[in-house]
Protein backbone atom coordinates (compact mmCIF):
# COMPACT_ATOMS: atom_id res chain seq x y z
CA MET A 1 -54.66 49.01 38.28
CA LEU A 2 -53.66 45.49 38.12
CA TYR A 3 -50.83 44.23 36.02
CA ASP A 4 -49.55 41.25 34.42
CA LEU A 5 -46.38 41.49 32.95
CA ASN A 6 -45.62 38.35 31.83
CA ILE A 7 -47.68 36.17 29.23
CA ALA A 8 -45.65 33.60 28.06
CA TRP A 9 -45.24 34.05 23.62
CA SER A 10 -42.88 32.07 21.38
CA PRO A 11 -43.34 31.78 17.33
CA HIS A 12 -45.06 28.54 17.92
CA THR A 13 -47.73 30.15 19.79
CA LYS A 14 -50.89 30.37 17.82
CA PRO A 15 -52.68 33.84 17.22
CA ALA A 16 -56.18 32.28 18.24
CA GLU A 17 -54.69 31.18 21.63
CA LEU A 18 -53.01 34.53 22.61
CA GLU A 19 -56.18 36.38 22.14
CA ARG A 20 -58.02 33.79 24.37
CA THR A 21 -55.36 33.98 26.76
CA LEU A 22 -55.72 38.25 26.82
CA ARG A 23 -58.93 38.36 26.55
CA PHE A 24 -59.70 35.56 29.88
CA SER A 25 -57.05 38.05 31.78
CA ALA A 26 -58.79 41.03 31.31
CA SER A 27 -62.45 39.48 32.44
CA LEU A 28 -60.37 38.84 36.03
CA GLY A 29 -59.42 42.00 36.28
CA TYR A 30 -56.56 42.47 34.84
CA ASP A 31 -56.01 45.73 33.09
CA VAL A 32 -52.60 46.10 31.63
CA VAL A 33 -50.26 43.06 30.47
CA ALA A 34 -47.13 42.63 29.29
CA VAL A 35 -46.56 39.66 26.05
CA ASN A 36 -43.25 38.56 26.75
CA HIS A 37 -40.67 36.90 24.23
CA THR A 38 -37.82 34.59 26.06
CA ILE A 39 -34.68 34.79 23.95
CA GLY A 40 -32.16 31.80 25.45
CA GLY A 41 -29.74 32.47 22.75
CA GLN A 42 -27.29 34.89 21.38
CA ILE A 43 -29.08 38.21 20.44
CA PRO A 44 -28.73 39.21 17.03
CA ALA A 45 -26.62 41.78 15.88
CA ASN A 46 -28.31 43.81 13.69
CA LEU A 47 -31.02 44.27 15.68
CA THR A 48 -34.40 45.84 14.40
CA LYS A 49 -37.61 45.84 14.88
CA ASP A 50 -38.44 44.54 11.29
CA THR A 51 -36.32 41.76 12.60
CA LEU A 52 -37.46 40.75 15.70
CA PRO A 53 -40.85 38.19 15.89
CA SER A 54 -43.68 39.91 16.46
CA PHE A 55 -46.82 38.73 17.57
CA GLU A 56 -50.58 39.83 15.94
CA LEU A 57 -54.21 39.30 17.10
CA PRO A 58 -57.16 38.24 15.28
CA VAL A 59 -59.51 41.07 14.73
CA SER A 60 -62.92 40.16 16.18
CA SER A 61 -66.29 42.65 16.23
CA SER A 62 -68.33 40.47 18.84
CA PRO A 63 -69.42 42.59 21.64
CA SER A 64 -70.12 38.90 23.41
CA LYS A 65 -66.05 39.02 24.02
CA PRO A 66 -64.09 40.76 26.95
CA LYS A 67 -62.49 43.53 25.34
CA LEU A 68 -58.34 43.09 25.30
CA PRO A 69 -56.72 44.80 27.88
CA THR A 70 -53.40 46.97 27.05
CA VAL A 71 -50.82 45.32 25.61
CA LEU A 72 -47.15 45.88 26.15
CA ARG A 73 -43.96 44.10 24.59
CA ARG A 74 -41.33 42.52 26.66
CA ALA A 75 -38.58 40.81 26.01
CA THR A 76 -36.40 38.46 28.81
CA VAL A 77 -32.98 37.60 27.98
CA VAL A 78 -31.62 34.51 29.17
CA LEU A 79 -28.45 35.33 30.52
CA THR A 80 -25.51 33.11 30.53
CA GLU A 81 -22.32 34.77 29.52
CA PRO A 82 -20.99 38.26 29.94
CA ALA A 83 -20.81 38.87 26.34
CA GLN A 84 -24.60 39.54 26.22
CA HIS A 85 -24.29 42.51 28.15
CA HIS A 86 -23.53 45.20 25.82
CA ARG A 87 -26.30 44.36 23.27
CA LEU A 88 -29.22 44.77 25.72
CA PRO A 89 -29.49 48.56 25.04
CA GLN A 90 -30.38 48.24 21.30
CA LEU A 91 -32.93 45.33 22.55
CA ALA A 92 -34.16 47.45 25.23
CA SER A 93 -35.12 50.02 22.30
CA ALA A 94 -37.01 47.91 20.67
CA TYR A 95 -39.15 46.59 23.07
CA ASP A 96 -41.36 48.24 26.14
CA ILE A 97 -39.77 46.22 29.00
CA LEU A 98 -36.74 44.45 28.69
CA ALA A 99 -35.76 41.74 31.50
CA VAL A 100 -33.30 38.93 32.59
CA ARG A 101 -32.56 35.32 33.39
CA PRO A 102 -29.59 35.06 35.19
CA GLN A 103 -28.71 31.35 35.13
CA THR A 104 -25.13 31.70 36.79
CA ASP A 105 -23.76 33.58 39.54
CA ASP A 106 -21.39 36.32 38.07
CA ALA A 107 -24.92 36.99 35.81
CA PHE A 108 -26.91 37.25 38.82
CA SER A 109 -24.44 39.82 40.39
CA ALA A 110 -23.93 42.15 37.61
CA ALA A 111 -28.12 42.14 36.83
CA CYS A 112 -28.01 43.30 40.48
CA GLN A 113 -25.55 45.21 40.86
CA SER A 114 -24.32 47.00 36.67
CA LEU A 115 -26.91 46.20 34.02
CA ASN A 116 -28.74 49.77 33.75
CA ASP A 117 -30.51 48.48 30.54
CA ILE A 118 -33.20 45.74 32.56
CA SER A 119 -36.09 46.52 35.02
CA ILE A 120 -36.92 43.31 35.57
CA ILE A 121 -34.74 40.55 37.16
CA SER A 122 -36.94 36.80 36.18
CA LEU A 123 -36.65 33.62 37.99
CA ASP A 124 -36.86 29.99 37.15
CA MET A 125 -38.05 28.83 40.97
CA THR A 126 -38.59 25.38 40.01
CA VAL A 127 -35.34 24.51 39.95
CA ARG A 128 -32.18 24.99 41.97
CA GLN A 129 -30.45 27.87 41.48
CA PRO A 130 -26.13 28.15 41.08
CA PHE A 131 -26.40 31.03 43.47
CA THR A 132 -27.72 31.95 46.62
CA PHE A 133 -30.15 35.49 47.31
CA ARG A 134 -27.65 37.26 49.12
CA PRO A 135 -29.58 40.26 51.04
CA LYS A 136 -27.05 42.81 50.00
CA PRO A 137 -27.06 42.68 46.60
CA CYS A 138 -30.68 42.02 46.60
CA MET A 139 -31.30 45.22 48.49
CA PHE A 140 -28.90 47.04 46.24
CA ALA A 141 -31.07 46.07 42.96
CA VAL A 142 -34.24 47.25 45.22
CA SER A 143 -32.29 50.19 45.78
CA ARG A 144 -31.93 50.79 42.04
CA GLY A 145 -35.42 50.53 41.15
CA ILE A 146 -35.11 46.60 39.25
CA ARG A 147 -37.69 44.89 40.37
CA PHE A 148 -37.49 40.48 41.18
CA GLU A 149 -40.37 38.83 39.10
CA VAL A 150 -42.13 35.76 40.66
CA CYS A 151 -43.96 33.82 38.27
CA TYR A 152 -46.86 32.06 39.96
CA SER A 153 -47.90 30.18 36.49
CA GLN A 154 -44.56 27.95 37.17
CA VAL A 155 -45.95 25.59 39.74
CA LEU A 156 -49.09 25.21 38.37
CA GLN A 157 -48.24 24.40 34.92
CA GLY A 158 -44.55 24.09 34.79
CA PRO A 159 -42.08 26.49 33.59
CA VAL A 160 -41.55 28.02 29.64
CA PRO A 161 -41.43 24.85 27.78
CA ALA A 162 -37.42 24.02 26.12
CA HIS A 163 -38.20 25.42 22.48
CA VAL A 164 -39.39 28.49 23.50
CA LEU A 165 -35.27 29.31 24.98
CA GLY A 166 -33.17 28.40 21.54
CA PRO A 167 -32.13 24.83 19.57
CA LYS A 168 -32.48 21.51 21.95
CA GLY A 169 -29.73 19.75 22.93
CA ASN A 170 -28.21 22.68 24.98
CA LYS A 171 -28.12 22.34 28.53
CA ASP A 172 -27.48 26.07 29.18
CA TRP A 173 -30.57 26.86 27.74
CA ASN A 174 -32.52 23.92 28.01
CA SER A 175 -31.56 23.08 31.87
CA GLY A 176 -35.05 23.00 34.14
CA TYR A 177 -36.94 23.70 31.05
CA SER A 178 -38.60 20.03 30.58
CA GLY A 179 -41.24 18.19 31.84
CA GLY A 180 -43.82 19.48 34.55
CA ALA A 181 -44.43 20.89 38.13
CA ASP A 182 -43.81 17.86 39.61
CA ALA A 183 -43.12 17.61 43.44
CA ARG A 184 -39.83 18.24 43.22
CA ALA A 185 -40.52 21.42 41.49
CA ARG A 186 -42.81 22.67 43.43
CA ALA A 187 -40.79 22.27 47.07
CA ALA A 188 -38.02 23.85 45.02
CA PHE A 189 -40.51 26.90 44.23
CA ILE A 190 -41.57 27.57 47.39
CA GLY A 191 -38.12 27.43 49.11
CA ASN A 192 -36.54 29.52 46.01
CA VAL A 193 -39.64 32.27 46.66
CA SER A 194 -39.07 31.91 50.59
CA SER A 195 -35.30 32.71 50.02
CA LEU A 196 -36.31 35.70 48.05
CA ILE A 197 -38.44 37.28 50.51
CA ARG A 198 -36.23 36.70 53.39
CA ALA A 199 -33.44 38.41 51.51
CA THR A 200 -35.60 41.04 49.97
CA ARG A 201 -37.81 41.84 53.33
CA GLY A 202 -40.52 41.27 51.00
CA ARG A 203 -39.56 44.46 48.48
CA GLY A 204 -39.64 44.77 45.06
CA ILE A 205 -40.78 41.82 44.17
CA VAL A 206 -43.07 41.85 41.12
CA ILE A 207 -45.73 38.77 40.67
CA SER A 208 -46.48 37.77 37.10
CA SER A 209 -48.16 34.55 35.67
CA GLU A 210 -45.92 33.54 32.94
CA ALA A 211 -49.07 31.97 31.14
CA GLN A 212 -48.48 29.59 28.07
CA SER A 213 -52.51 29.36 28.47
CA VAL A 214 -55.52 30.34 30.25
CA LEU A 215 -55.18 27.35 32.24
CA GLY A 216 -51.95 28.38 33.95
CA LEU A 217 -53.56 32.43 34.96
CA ARG A 218 -55.52 32.84 38.17
CA GLY A 219 -57.58 35.43 39.48
CA PRO A 220 -56.00 38.77 41.77
CA ALA A 221 -57.57 37.42 44.89
CA ASP A 222 -55.91 33.59 44.94
CA VAL A 223 -53.19 35.11 43.72
CA MET A 224 -52.64 37.27 46.28
CA ASN A 225 -53.61 33.99 49.25
CA LEU A 226 -50.88 32.30 47.65
CA LEU A 227 -48.46 34.62 47.75
CA HIS A 228 -49.42 35.43 51.61
CA VAL A 229 -49.04 31.30 52.10
CA TRP A 230 -45.39 31.28 50.81
CA GLY A 231 -44.45 34.01 53.10
CA LEU A 232 -45.14 37.51 51.47
CA PRO A 233 -47.26 39.39 53.39
CA ALA A 234 -50.66 41.11 52.16
CA ASP A 235 -49.77 44.53 51.45
CA ARG A 236 -46.60 43.22 49.71
CA ALA A 237 -48.36 40.87 47.46
CA LYS A 238 -50.88 43.69 46.57
CA GLU A 239 -48.36 46.18 45.39
CA GLY A 240 -46.73 43.14 43.71
CA LEU A 241 -49.96 43.20 41.30
CA SER A 242 -50.26 46.96 41.34
CA VAL A 243 -48.20 49.91 42.30
CA LEU A 244 -44.76 47.92 41.68
CA PRO A 245 -45.30 47.02 37.68
CA ARG A 246 -46.96 50.13 37.65
CA SER A 247 -43.61 51.78 38.18
CA VAL A 248 -42.00 49.69 35.93
CA VAL A 249 -44.48 50.75 33.40
CA VAL A 250 -43.90 54.31 33.94
CA ASN A 251 -40.10 54.12 34.23
CA GLU A 252 -39.25 51.92 31.32
CA GLY A 253 -41.51 54.80 29.04
CA LEU A 254 -39.87 57.48 30.49
CA LYS A 255 -36.57 55.98 29.19
CA ARG A 256 -38.16 55.99 25.99
CA SER A 257 -39.83 59.44 25.82
CA GLY A 258 -38.08 61.43 28.03
CA PHE A 259 -34.67 62.65 27.80
CA ARG A 260 -32.04 60.69 29.46
CA GLY A 261 -35.17 59.69 31.60
CA VAL A 262 -35.40 62.46 33.89
CA ILE A 263 -37.84 64.63 31.62
CA ASP A 264 -40.71 64.20 29.56
CA ILE A 265 -41.79 67.57 27.32
CA ILE A 266 -45.47 67.20 26.25
CA SER A 267 -45.99 70.54 25.46
CA SER A 268 -45.12 74.52 25.62
CA ALA A 269 -47.81 76.00 27.62
CA ASP A 270 -48.45 79.92 26.61
CA PRO A 271 -47.35 82.27 29.52
CA VAL A 272 -50.09 84.11 31.24
CA GLN A 273 -49.60 87.38 32.92
CA GLY A 274 -48.45 86.20 36.48
CA ASP A 275 -45.17 84.55 34.61
CA VAL A 276 -44.88 87.97 32.10
CA GLU A 277 -44.01 90.29 34.95
CA MET A 278 -42.32 87.62 36.72
CA ALA A 279 -39.70 87.58 33.81
CA GLU A 280 -39.98 91.40 33.61
CA ALA A 281 -38.98 91.38 37.48
CA VAL A 282 -36.09 89.10 36.96
CA ASN A 283 -35.17 90.63 33.58
CA GLY A 284 -34.99 93.86 35.55
CA LYS A 285 -32.54 92.21 38.38
CA ALA A 286 -30.06 90.93 36.39
CA GLU A 287 -29.48 94.18 34.12
CA ILE A 288 -28.89 95.86 37.67
CA ALA A 289 -26.39 92.91 38.31
CA THR A 290 -24.76 92.64 35.06
CA GLY A 291 -24.00 96.77 34.98
CA ASN A 292 -26.97 98.34 32.56
CA PRO A 293 -26.12 101.44 32.50
CA GLN A 294 -30.47 102.11 32.92
CA GLY A 295 -30.30 99.89 36.11
CA ASN A 296 -26.70 101.92 37.05
CA ARG A 297 -28.09 104.99 36.45
CA GLY A 298 -31.04 104.10 38.92
CA LYS A 299 -28.87 103.14 41.66
CA LYS A 300 -26.99 105.73 41.41
CA SER A 301 -30.02 108.35 41.96
CA LYS A 302 -30.50 106.57 44.72
CA ASN A 303 -27.50 106.83 45.96
CA GLN A 304 -26.84 111.06 45.54
CA GLU A 305 -30.44 111.43 47.01
CA SER A 306 -29.37 109.46 50.35
CA ASN A 307 -25.97 111.44 50.34
CA LYS A 308 -27.65 115.33 49.73
CA LYS A 309 -29.88 114.23 52.73
CA ARG A 310 -27.54 113.41 55.01
CA LYS A 311 -25.45 116.51 54.42
CA ASN A 312 -28.28 118.57 54.55
CA ASP A 313 -29.08 116.49 58.05
CA ASP A 314 -25.18 117.39 58.78
CA ALA A 315 -25.24 121.30 57.78
CA GLU A 316 -28.69 121.44 60.01
CA THR A 317 -26.77 119.90 63.06
CA LEU A 318 -24.18 122.61 62.73
CA ASP A 319 -26.33 125.70 62.27
CA ALA A 320 -28.25 124.94 65.64
CA GLY A 321 -25.39 124.29 67.45
CA GLY A 322 -26.00 120.93 68.39
CA ASP A 323 -23.56 117.84 68.91
CA GLY A 324 -25.91 114.84 66.97
CA GLU A 325 -27.01 113.12 69.39
CA GLY A 326 -28.25 110.14 68.92
CA GLN A 327 -26.02 109.97 65.87
CA PRO A 328 -21.81 109.37 65.53
CA ILE A 329 -19.36 112.66 64.73
CA SER A 330 -16.59 112.90 62.64
CA LYS A 331 -13.32 114.09 63.43
CA ARG A 332 -14.01 116.62 60.36
CA GLN A 333 -17.13 117.73 61.50
CA GLU A 334 -15.70 117.81 66.00
CA LYS A 335 -13.35 120.28 64.17
CA ARG A 336 -15.81 122.32 62.53
CA LEU A 337 -18.09 122.52 65.30
CA ARG A 338 -15.05 123.49 67.37
CA ALA A 339 -14.10 126.58 65.09
CA ALA A 340 -18.04 127.42 64.95
CA MET A 341 -17.94 127.93 68.52
CA ARG A 342 -14.71 129.77 68.88
CA LYS A 343 -15.57 132.38 66.20
CA LYS A 344 -19.00 132.55 68.37
CA GLN A 345 -17.21 133.40 71.36
CA ILE A 346 -14.57 136.11 69.70
CA ASP A 347 -17.94 137.82 68.38
CA ALA A 348 -19.42 137.99 71.64
CA GLY A 349 -16.20 139.77 73.04
CA THR A 350 -16.14 142.34 70.54
CA ALA A 351 -19.63 143.22 70.62
CA ASP A 352 -19.30 143.33 74.92
CA VAL A 353 -16.06 145.80 74.04
């Protein structure tokens, strides 16, 4: 299965245009698509699914149109201040996937090392980043299961428009988000992608489109060729379209449906005969270990039988006059044996007289 976890969406996007983009992505071969809502301002305090903007797809019964892929809801938070971190868990419960786009060095370090509610670090590669891609924090993020996202549509049609991120005139939110992909933006994109590939050794990179329309989408083969030209190996590029995004979707689903993201209980199965027998055996051992009278009674009877057998064997040995070859003799048995031998000698002397 092929994944595209970033289809740009804003409240200004028309439902017909969104439907067209989704159907075209399905025709290209993408099976799962995430509609991304970028949040550039402060996260609302009272955050519920009703207060968040929702996209609606028009229902069309035309059989000639390609079917829609599996659509997920995603939110990307533009991190500029540490005060935004404590509201990320509330936002994660309202969306299927949560990603961050750090704008400062501190935000990037926090996303790589300490933030636990995110699964993707999305970056705008068309601008010069205020931080460098160092191998140690990048590999630490990959070991934690966090993926870095490369959006190829940024170099084709330009980054996300400024009105998606926040109000006009805000330099922190709108920096690098106005204008198209000129020669300088393309050069910055290639340089940033190459630096990220060197820092991560090509691991943990998810490839998405961030397409605003059908013009920003490309087929999977073309995308792999593009990333291979920019320095990513072909096998890593294939994983970035299939294996790695699938792990993101599965892990995010476990966080929301399972117990602490570890156990997912679907239904209880009926016990079979083998399980019942195993449970009875385990219960029997537990009764003996915990001092159950029945278990102790059985254990005592076995010990008594073994002791009785040993006494009978000792008596037979004494009667036969043997010295218990092959078995160690205690001092008490040795005394009894000497007394028996002395008695026999006295009896033999009396009979001679």
